[in-house]
Amino acid sequence: MAELVSNSLRRAFPENREGRVTVSLSSIQEREYELTIADNCVAIAREDTESPDSVEMELIRTFVAQLHGQIEVNRVGGTLVRVRFREIAHESDE
């Protein structure tokens, strides 16, 4: 997920614009979590998040797939990326 924070810092605030990047992790149900990374400035272009050539998004999609999670990208008023995932049970937990 460092790629998302790095992307916000690198692209969201051109020409030394001020803005805010927020990162939060919340428990939304038992053993289910939501990671949100958002900025309030220039939104990531659609082609940057949907292009098969986007190395950053490919890394993020791979990570989310390993978690058996879901990813949502919202580009209104900046960029918000929400990742939902369940805690992965270990053999000792079963």
C-alpha atoms as a PDB file:
ATOM      1  CA  MET A   1       0.000   0.000   0.000  1.00  0.00           C
ATOM      2  CA  ALA A   2       3.029   2.235   0.193  1.00  0.00           C
ATOM      3  CA  GLU A   3       2.576   2.667  -3.572  1.00  0.00           C
ATOM      4  CA  LEU A   4      -0.719   4.490  -2.947  1.00  0.00           C
ATOM      5  CA  VAL A   5       0.794   6.885  -0.424  1.00  0.00           C
ATOM      6  CA  SER A   6       3.814   7.438  -2.663  1.00  0.00           C
ATOM      7  CA  ASN A   7       1.513   8.124  -5.613  1.00  0.00           C
ATOM      8  CA  SER A   8      -0.440  10.696  -3.605  1.00  0.00           C
ATOM      9  CA  LEU A   9       2.699  12.504  -2.531  1.00  0.00           C
ATOM     10  CA  ARG A  10       4.187  12.438  -6.023  1.00  0.00           C
ATOM     11  CA  ARG A  11       1.159  13.256  -8.210  1.00  0.00           C
ATOM     12  CA  ALA A  12      -1.638  14.781  -6.168  1.00  0.00           C
ATOM     13  CA  PHE A  13       0.081  18.024  -5.236  1.00  0.00           C
ATOM     14  CA  PRO A  14       1.773  19.527  -8.323  1.00  0.00           C
ATOM     15  CA  GLU A  15       3.679  22.800  -8.113  1.00  0.00           C
ATOM     16  CA  ASN A  16       4.004  22.531  -4.312  1.00  0.00           C
ATOM     17  CA  ARG A  17       0.238  22.718  -3.791  1.00  0.00           C
ATOM     18  CA  GLU A  18      -0.854  22.099  -0.226  1.00  0.00           C
ATOM     19  CA  GLY A  19      -3.164  19.233   0.554  1.00  0.00           C
ATOM     20  CA  ARG A  20      -3.884  16.327   2.802  1.00  0.00           C
ATOM     21  CA  VAL A  21      -3.195  12.601   2.573  1.00  0.00           C
ATOM     22  CA  THR A  22      -5.045  10.356   5.015  1.00  0.00           C
ATOM     23  CA  VAL A  23      -4.503   6.691   5.773  1.00  0.00           C
ATOM     24  CA  SER A  24      -6.905   4.747   7.958  1.00  0.00           C
ATOM     25  CA  LEU A  25      -7.512   1.139   8.887  1.00  0.00           C
ATOM     26  CA  SER A  26     -10.881   0.249  10.402  1.00  0.00           C
ATOM     27  CA  SER A  27     -12.544  -2.909  11.599  1.00  0.00           C
ATOM     28  CA  ILE A  28     -15.914  -2.982   9.816  1.00  0.00           C
ATOM     29  CA  GLN A  29     -17.108  -6.407  10.972  1.00  0.00           C
ATOM     30  CA  GLU A  30     -15.627  -9.249  12.947  1.00  0.00           C
ATOM     31  CA  ARG A  31     -12.359 -10.175  11.206  1.00  0.00           C
ATOM     32  CA  GLU A  32     -13.123  -7.807   8.301  1.00  0.00           C
ATOM     33  CA  TYR A  33     -11.166  -4.613   7.695  1.00  0.00           C
ATOM     34  CA  GLU A  34     -11.115  -1.568   5.466  1.00  0.00           C
ATOM     35  CA  LEU A  35      -7.939   0.279   4.524  1.00  0.00           C
ATOM     36  CA  THR A  36      -8.524   3.742   3.082  1.00  0.00           C
ATOM     37  CA  ILE A  37      -5.930   6.001   1.495  1.00  0.00           C
ATOM     38  CA  ALA A  38      -7.157   9.380   0.278  1.00  0.00           C
ATOM     39  CA  ASP A  39      -5.917  12.760  -0.820  1.00  0.00           C
ATOM     40  CA  ASN A  40      -7.830  15.960  -1.450  1.00  0.00           C
ATOM     41  CA  CYS A  41      -6.065  17.306  -4.501  1.00  0.00           C
ATOM     42  CA  VAL A  42      -5.518  16.264  -8.121  1.00  0.00           C
ATOM     43  CA  ALA A  43      -7.248  12.932  -8.773  1.00  0.00           C
ATOM     44  CA  ILE A  44      -5.330  10.015 -10.276  1.00  0.00           C
ATOM     45  CA  ALA A  45      -6.215   9.787 -13.938  1.00  0.00           C
ATOM     46  CA  ARG A  46      -8.442   6.853 -14.852  1.00  0.00           C
ATOM     47  CA  GLU A  47      -5.774   5.518 -17.205  1.00  0.00           C
ATOM     48  CA  ASP A  48      -3.273   5.449 -14.320  1.00  0.00           C
ATOM     49  CA  THR A  49      -5.485   3.095 -12.301  1.00  0.00           C
ATOM     50  CA  GLU A  50      -6.976   0.973 -15.076  1.00  0.00           C
ATOM     51  CA  SER A  51      -4.093   0.635 -17.503  1.00  0.00           C
ATOM     52  CA  PRO A  52      -2.625  -2.845 -17.684  1.00  0.00           C
ATOM     53  CA  ASP A  53       0.760  -1.101 -17.955  1.00  0.00           C
ATOM     54  CA  SER A  54       0.426   0.617 -14.572  1.00  0.00           C
ATOM     55  CA  VAL A  55       3.088  -1.083 -12.456  1.00  0.00           C
ATOM     56  CA  GLU A  56       1.887   0.620  -9.280  1.00  0.00           C
ATOM     57  CA  MET A  57      -1.699  -0.534  -9.697  1.00  0.00           C
ATOM     58  CA  GLU A  58      -0.575  -4.018 -10.708  1.00  0.00           C
ATOM     59  CA  LEU A  59       1.362  -4.276  -7.426  1.00  0.00           C
ATOM     60  CA  ILE A  60      -1.682  -3.060  -5.505  1.00  0.00           C
ATOM     61  CA  ARG A  61      -4.070  -5.422  -7.324  1.00  0.00           C
ATOM     62  CA  THR A  62      -1.702  -8.343  -6.648  1.00  0.00           C
ATOM     63  CA  PHE A  63      -1.545  -7.460  -2.955  1.00  0.00           C
ATOM     64  CA  VAL A  64      -5.344  -7.150  -2.730  1.00  0.00           C
ATOM     65  CA  ALA A  65      -5.772 -10.475  -4.548  1.00  0.00           C
ATOM     66  CA  GLN A  66      -3.429 -12.146  -2.030  1.00  0.00           C
ATOM     67  CA  LEU A  67      -5.729 -10.868   0.717  1.00  0.00           C
ATOM     68  CA  HIS A  68      -8.786 -12.101  -1.224  1.00  0.00           C
ATOM     69  CA  GLY A  69      -9.936  -8.501  -0.933  1.00  0.00           C
ATOM     70  CA  GLN A  70     -11.736  -5.921  -3.018  1.00  0.00           C
ATOM     71  CA  ILE A  71     -10.498  -2.542  -4.199  1.00  0.00           C
ATOM     72  CA  GLU A  72     -12.502   0.572  -5.037  1.00  0.00           C
ATOM     73  CA  VAL A  73     -11.119   3.793  -6.529  1.00  0.00           C
ATOM     74  CA  ASN A  74     -13.087   7.052  -6.349  1.00  0.00           C
ATOM     75  CA  ARG A  75     -11.753  10.122  -8.140  1.00  0.00           C
ATOM     76  CA  VAL A  76     -14.220  12.790  -6.950  1.00  0.00           C
ATOM     77  CA  GLY A  77     -12.605  15.666  -5.038  1.00  0.00           C
ATOM     78  CA  GLY A  78      -9.200  13.981  -5.114  1.00  0.00           C
ATOM     79  CA  THR A  79      -8.490  10.284  -5.005  1.00  0.00           C
ATOM     80  CA  LEU A  80      -9.820   7.759  -2.521  1.00  0.00           C
ATOM     81  CA  VAL A  81      -8.735   4.125  -2.617  1.00  0.00           C
ATOM     82  CA  ARG A  82     -10.616   1.704  -0.394  1.00  0.00           C
ATOM     83  CA  VAL A  83      -9.447  -1.874   0.163  1.00  0.00           C
ATOM     84  CA  ARG A  84     -11.664  -4.322   2.036  1.00  0.00           C
ATOM     85  CA  PHE A  85     -10.337  -7.643   3.235  1.00  0.00           C
ATOM     86  CA  ARG A  86     -10.961 -10.379   5.781  1.00  0.00           C
ATOM     87  CA  GLU A  87      -8.459 -11.640   8.289  1.00  0.00           C
ATOM     88  CA  ILE A  88      -6.829 -14.760   6.946  1.00  0.00           C
ATOM     89  CA  ALA A  89      -7.201 -17.690   9.324  1.00  0.00           C
ATOM     90  CA  HIS A  90      -4.037 -19.542  10.235  1.00  0.00           C
ATOM     91  CA  GLU A  91      -4.053 -23.299  10.706  1.00  0.00           C
ATOM     92  CA  SER A  92      -3.674 -22.791  14.467  1.00  0.00           C
ATOM     93  CA  ASP A  93      -6.845 -20.588  14.485  1.00  0.00           C
ATOM     94  CA  GLU A  94      -9.074 -23.310  13.051  1.00  0.00           C
END
